[in-house]
Amino acid sequence: MTFKDKVNGLIIDALLEKPSVFLIDLTINDSFKIIVNLDGDNGVALQDCIDISRAIENNLDREEQDFSLEVASVGVGSPLKYRRQYKKNVGRTLIVKLATETIEAELVEANDNFIILSWKAREPKKVGKGKETVQKRQEIPYTEIKEAIVTVTF
C-alpha cells in the first residue's frame, strides 16, 4: 500500500462520519506535503477541516514517514469538478466554458446527466430594426462542459 493510498483510505473513513462533506482533491508532493481540498452540500465548517486533519494525522506515523498536512475547503474561484457541486449551486450564476462558447448564466437545474442554464440576451428583432431582450435557456450535458466556475457578486 502506497503512502497516498493510506492517506486516501483515512480520508474516506473520516468522511463516512460526515456525509454532507466530500473530497474534491488529494495531492501529495515529492516532499510528502499532503493537501486535502473538501467541499460540502452545505459548505465546509472549520470543525470539518479540523476533524479530517486529526483523522489523518493521528493515524500516520511521522517516524515511518515525515509529512506536512493542509486541509481546507475549495476556494471561491475553483472550478466545479463533481455533479454534486453543481446541485448545491443551483440558483447561483456560473461561467461555463464549452468547446465553442462561454456562457455566464444562472444555474436553474442540475441532475445526474445535465445542467440547465438561464440568462437574458440582446438579439436583433425578428421584425424591424434594433434589438430586443430575450430569455434564453439551454440544457448542457456534463460531457460538454470544459470548465464551470461560480461567480461571486457583491
C-alpha atoms as a PDB file:
ATOM      1  CA  MET A   1       0.000   0.000   0.000  1.00  0.00           C
ATOM      2  CA  THR A   2       1.450   3.360  -1.045  1.00  0.00           C
ATOM      3  CA  PHE A   3       1.508   6.387   1.232  1.00  0.00           C
ATOM      4  CA  LYS A   4      -1.142   8.099  -0.926  1.00  0.00           C
ATOM      5  CA  ASP A   5      -3.409   5.038  -0.754  1.00  0.00           C
ATOM      6  CA  LYS A   6      -3.092   5.015   3.030  1.00  0.00           C
ATOM      7  CA  VAL A   7      -3.938   8.733   3.301  1.00  0.00           C
ATOM      8  CA  ASN A   8      -6.846   8.353   0.883  1.00  0.00           C
ATOM      9  CA  GLY A   9      -8.237   5.473   2.961  1.00  0.00           C
ATOM     10  CA  LEU A  10      -8.025   7.560   6.139  1.00  0.00           C
ATOM     11  CA  ILE A  11      -9.897  10.416   4.441  1.00  0.00           C
ATOM     12  CA  ILE A  12     -12.620   8.083   3.149  1.00  0.00           C
ATOM     13  CA  ASP A  13     -13.079   6.600   6.632  1.00  0.00           C
ATOM     14  CA  ALA A  14     -13.270  10.068   8.225  1.00  0.00           C
ATOM     15  CA  LEU A  15     -15.788  11.298   5.636  1.00  0.00           C
ATOM     16  CA  LEU A  16     -18.123   8.394   6.426  1.00  0.00           C
ATOM     17  CA  GLU A  17     -18.894  10.247   9.668  1.00  0.00           C
ATOM     18  CA  LYS A  18     -19.626  13.456   7.735  1.00  0.00           C
ATOM     19  CA  PRO A  19     -21.963  12.505   4.851  1.00  0.00           C
ATOM     20  CA  SER A  20     -22.532  16.120   3.762  1.00  0.00           C
ATOM     21  CA  VAL A  21     -18.784  16.710   3.234  1.00  0.00           C
ATOM     22  CA  PHE A  22     -16.895  15.228   0.285  1.00  0.00           C
ATOM     23  CA  LEU A  23     -13.362  15.083  -1.089  1.00  0.00           C
ATOM     24  CA  ILE A  24     -12.549  17.284  -4.077  1.00  0.00           C
ATOM     25  CA  ASP A  25      -8.816  16.750  -4.362  1.00  0.00           C
ATOM     26  CA  LEU A  26      -5.936  14.987  -2.628  1.00  0.00           C
ATOM     27  CA  THR A  27      -2.381  15.930  -3.562  1.00  0.00           C
ATOM     28  CA  ILE A  28       0.835  14.591  -2.088  1.00  0.00           C
ATOM     29  CA  ASN A  29       4.031  16.072  -3.500  1.00  0.00           C
ATOM     30  CA  ASP A  30       7.589  14.685  -3.502  1.00  0.00           C
ATOM     31  CA  SER A  31       8.366  16.173  -0.079  1.00  0.00           C
ATOM     32  CA  PHE A  32       5.237  14.482   1.356  1.00  0.00           C
ATOM     33  CA  LYS A  33       3.170  17.638   1.722  1.00  0.00           C
ATOM     34  CA  ILE A  34      -0.442  16.411   1.912  1.00  0.00           C
ATOM     35  CA  ILE A  35      -3.031  18.858   0.561  1.00  0.00           C
ATOM     36  CA  VAL A  36      -6.685  17.922   1.033  1.00  0.00           C
ATOM     37  CA  ASN A  37      -9.479  20.026  -0.518  1.00  0.00           C
ATOM     38  CA  LEU A  38     -13.026  19.453   0.696  1.00  0.00           C
ATOM     39  CA  ASP A  39     -16.487  20.687  -0.253  1.00  0.00           C
ATOM     40  CA  GLY A  40     -19.856  20.133   1.333  1.00  0.00           C
ATOM     41  CA  ASP A  41     -23.519  20.169   0.450  1.00  0.00           C
ATOM     42  CA  ASN A  42     -23.952  22.977   2.994  1.00  0.00           C
ATOM     43  CA  GLY A  43     -20.401  24.324   2.827  1.00  0.00           C
ATOM     44  CA  VAL A  44     -17.418  23.233   4.909  1.00  0.00           C
ATOM     45  CA  ALA A  45     -17.074  24.343   8.522  1.00  0.00           C
ATOM     46  CA  LEU A  46     -13.732  24.875  10.205  1.00  0.00           C
ATOM     47  CA  GLN A  47     -14.560  21.950  12.504  1.00  0.00           C
ATOM     48  CA  ASP A  48     -14.924  19.668   9.445  1.00  0.00           C
ATOM     49  CA  CYS A  49     -11.375  20.548   8.364  1.00  0.00           C
ATOM     50  CA  ILE A  50     -10.069  20.019  11.896  1.00  0.00           C
ATOM     51  CA  ASP A  51     -11.753  16.610  12.178  1.00  0.00           C
ATOM     52  CA  ILE A  52     -10.384  15.389   8.829  1.00  0.00           C
ATOM     53  CA  SER A  53      -6.930  16.724   9.683  1.00  0.00           C
ATOM     54  CA  ARG A  54      -6.928  14.889  13.017  1.00  0.00           C
ATOM     55  CA  ALA A  55      -8.159  11.666  11.394  1.00  0.00           C
ATOM     56  CA  ILE A  56      -5.163  11.764   9.060  1.00  0.00           C
ATOM     57  CA  GLU A  57      -2.544  12.996  11.496  1.00  0.00           C
ATOM     58  CA  ASN A  58      -3.488  10.648  14.348  1.00  0.00           C
ATOM     59  CA  ASN A  59      -3.262   7.584  12.106  1.00  0.00           C
ATOM     60  CA  LEU A  60       0.067   8.245  10.377  1.00  0.00           C
ATOM     61  CA  ASP A  61       3.443   7.650  11.980  1.00  0.00           C
ATOM     62  CA  ARG A  62       5.906  10.513  11.477  1.00  0.00           C
ATOM     63  CA  GLU A  63       8.724   8.127  12.402  1.00  0.00           C
ATOM     64  CA  GLU A  64       7.809   5.984   9.410  1.00  0.00           C
ATOM     65  CA  GLN A  65       7.261   8.931   7.024  1.00  0.00           C
ATOM     66  CA  ASP A  66       7.567  12.620   7.893  1.00  0.00           C
ATOM     67  CA  PHE A  67       4.879  14.797   6.278  1.00  0.00           C
ATOM     68  CA  SER A  68       3.135  18.154   6.392  1.00  0.00           C
ATOM     69  CA  LEU A  69      -0.631  18.441   6.201  1.00  0.00           C
ATOM     70  CA  GLU A  70      -3.034  21.070   4.900  1.00  0.00           C
ATOM     71  CA  VAL A  71      -6.823  20.533   4.950  1.00  0.00           C
ATOM     72  CA  ALA A  72      -9.065  23.260   3.502  1.00  0.00           C
ATOM     73  CA  SER A  73     -12.323  23.914   1.719  1.00  0.00           C
ATOM     74  CA  VAL A  74     -12.231  24.636  -2.008  1.00  0.00           C
ATOM     75  CA  GLY A  75     -11.759  28.276  -2.918  1.00  0.00           C
ATOM     76  CA  VAL A  76     -14.446  30.538  -4.306  1.00  0.00           C
ATOM     77  CA  GLY A  77     -12.937  30.643  -7.793  1.00  0.00           C
ATOM     78  CA  SER A  78     -12.233  26.923  -8.005  1.00  0.00           C
ATOM     79  CA  PRO A  79     -13.770  25.067 -10.956  1.00  0.00           C
ATOM     80  CA  LEU A  80     -16.630  22.683 -10.229  1.00  0.00           C
ATOM     81  CA  LYS A  81     -15.498  19.066 -10.616  1.00  0.00           C
ATOM     82  CA  TYR A  82     -18.388  16.890  -9.481  1.00  0.00           C
ATOM     83  CA  ARG A  83     -22.107  16.757 -10.211  1.00  0.00           C
ATOM     84  CA  ARG A  84     -22.757  17.096  -6.500  1.00  0.00           C
ATOM     85  CA  GLN A  85     -21.163  20.562  -6.635  1.00  0.00           C
ATOM     86  CA  TYR A  86     -23.463  21.650  -9.461  1.00  0.00           C
ATOM     87  CA  LYS A  87     -26.518  20.515  -7.491  1.00  0.00           C
ATOM     88  CA  LYS A  88     -25.526  22.540  -4.437  1.00  0.00           C
ATOM     89  CA  ASN A  89     -25.036  25.671  -6.573  1.00  0.00           C
ATOM     90  CA  VAL A  90     -28.487  25.749  -8.204  1.00  0.00           C
ATOM     91  CA  GLY A  91     -29.693  29.360  -8.174  1.00  0.00           C
ATOM     92  CA  ARG A  92     -26.193  30.835  -8.485  1.00  0.00           C
ATOM     93  CA  THR A  93     -24.508  32.348 -11.521  1.00  0.00           C
ATOM     94  CA  LEU A  94     -21.895  30.243 -13.316  1.00  0.00           C
ATOM     95  CA  ILE A  95     -19.374  30.910 -16.045  1.00  0.00           C
ATOM     96  CA  VAL A  96     -19.469  27.753 -18.150  1.00  0.00           C
ATOM     97  CA  LYS A  97     -16.834  27.143 -20.828  1.00  0.00           C
ATOM     98  CA  LEU A  98     -17.858  24.880 -23.679  1.00  0.00           C
ATOM     99  CA  ALA A  99     -15.845  23.882 -26.755  1.00  0.00           C
ATOM    100  CA  THR A 100     -17.257  26.723 -28.873  1.00  0.00           C
ATOM    101  CA  GLU A 101     -18.523  29.334 -26.417  1.00  0.00           C
ATOM    102  CA  THR A 102     -18.540  30.640 -22.862  1.00  0.00           C
ATOM    103  CA  ILE A 103     -21.872  31.279 -21.146  1.00  0.00           C
ATOM    104  CA  GLU A 104     -22.453  33.308 -17.983  1.00  0.00           C
ATOM    105  CA  ALA A 105     -25.880  32.366 -16.678  1.00  0.00           C
ATOM    106  CA  GLU A 106     -27.956  31.252 -13.723  1.00  0.00           C
ATOM    107  CA  LEU A 107     -27.866  27.550 -12.968  1.00  0.00           C
ATOM    108  CA  VAL A 108     -31.575  26.670 -12.721  1.00  0.00           C
ATOM    109  CA  GLU A 109     -31.322  22.872 -12.612  1.00  0.00           C
ATOM    110  CA  ALA A 110     -28.685  20.176 -12.173  1.00  0.00           C
ATOM    111  CA  ASN A 111     -29.371  16.454 -12.349  1.00  0.00           C
ATOM    112  CA  ASP A 112     -27.222  13.377 -12.955  1.00  0.00           C
ATOM    113  CA  ASN A 113     -26.992  13.908 -16.744  1.00  0.00           C
ATOM    114  CA  PHE A 114     -27.043  17.639 -17.494  1.00  0.00           C
ATOM    115  CA  ILE A 115     -27.418  21.197 -16.220  1.00  0.00           C
ATOM    116  CA  ILE A 116     -29.873  23.854 -17.365  1.00  0.00           C
ATOM    117  CA  LEU A 117     -28.731  27.468 -17.621  1.00  0.00           C
ATOM    118  CA  SER A 118     -30.967  30.519 -17.995  1.00  0.00           C
ATOM    119  CA  TRP A 119     -29.959  34.054 -18.994  1.00  0.00           C
ATOM    120  CA  LYS A 120     -31.133  37.192 -20.817  1.00  0.00           C
ATOM    121  CA  ALA A 121     -29.565  38.150 -24.131  1.00  0.00           C
ATOM    122  CA  ARG A 122     -29.905  41.025 -26.592  1.00  0.00           C
ATOM    123  CA  GLU A 123     -30.762  39.814 -30.090  1.00  0.00           C
ATOM    124  CA  PRO A 124     -31.851  41.518 -33.319  1.00  0.00           C
ATOM    125  CA  LYS A 125     -35.626  41.923 -33.560  1.00  0.00           C
ATOM    126  CA  LYS A 126     -37.393  39.444 -35.800  1.00  0.00           C
ATOM    127  CA  VAL A 127     -39.319  42.333 -37.407  1.00  0.00           C
ATOM    128  CA  GLY A 128     -37.903  45.818 -37.766  1.00  0.00           C
ATOM    129  CA  LYS A 129     -34.677  47.430 -36.631  1.00  0.00           C
ATOM    130  CA  GLY A 130     -32.977  47.296 -33.292  1.00  0.00           C
ATOM    131  CA  LYS A 131     -32.559  44.656 -30.629  1.00  0.00           C
ATOM    132  CA  GLU A 132     -34.779  43.090 -28.035  1.00  0.00           C
ATOM    133  CA  THR A 133     -34.062  41.295 -24.775  1.00  0.00           C
ATOM    134  CA  VAL A 134     -34.937  37.610 -24.907  1.00  0.00           C
ATOM    135  CA  GLN A 135     -34.851  34.928 -22.226  1.00  0.00           C
ATOM    136  CA  LYS A 136     -32.530  32.060 -23.174  1.00  0.00           C
ATOM    137  CA  ARG A 137     -32.450  28.598 -21.661  1.00  0.00           C
ATOM    138  CA  GLN A 138     -30.001  25.841 -22.540  1.00  0.00           C
ATOM    139  CA  GLU A 139     -29.585  22.235 -21.451  1.00  0.00           C
ATOM    140  CA  ILE A 140     -25.904  21.246 -21.341  1.00  0.00           C
ATOM    141  CA  PRO A 141     -24.695  17.660 -20.770  1.00  0.00           C
ATOM    142  CA  TYR A 142     -21.793  17.375 -18.300  1.00  0.00           C
ATOM    143  CA  THR A 143     -19.684  15.804 -21.064  1.00  0.00           C
ATOM    144  CA  GLU A 144     -19.715  19.117 -22.996  1.00  0.00           C
ATOM    145  CA  ILE A 145     -18.541  21.266 -20.068  1.00  0.00           C
ATOM    146  CA  LYS A 146     -14.835  22.105 -20.223  1.00  0.00           C
ATOM    147  CA  GLU A 147     -14.910  24.231 -17.038  1.00  0.00           C
ATOM    148  CA  ALA A 148     -17.526  25.813 -14.777  1.00  0.00           C
ATOM    149  CA  ILE A 149     -16.877  28.383 -12.071  1.00  0.00           C
ATOM    150  CA  VAL A 150     -19.345  30.012  -9.671  1.00  0.00           C
ATOM    151  CA  THR A 151     -19.228  33.804  -9.984  1.00  0.00           C
ATOM    152  CA  VAL A 152     -19.251  35.910  -6.875  1.00  0.00           C
ATOM    153  CA  THR A 153     -21.348  39.074  -6.904  1.00  0.00           C
ATOM    154  CA  PHE A 154     -21.181  41.777  -4.267  1.00  0.00           C
END
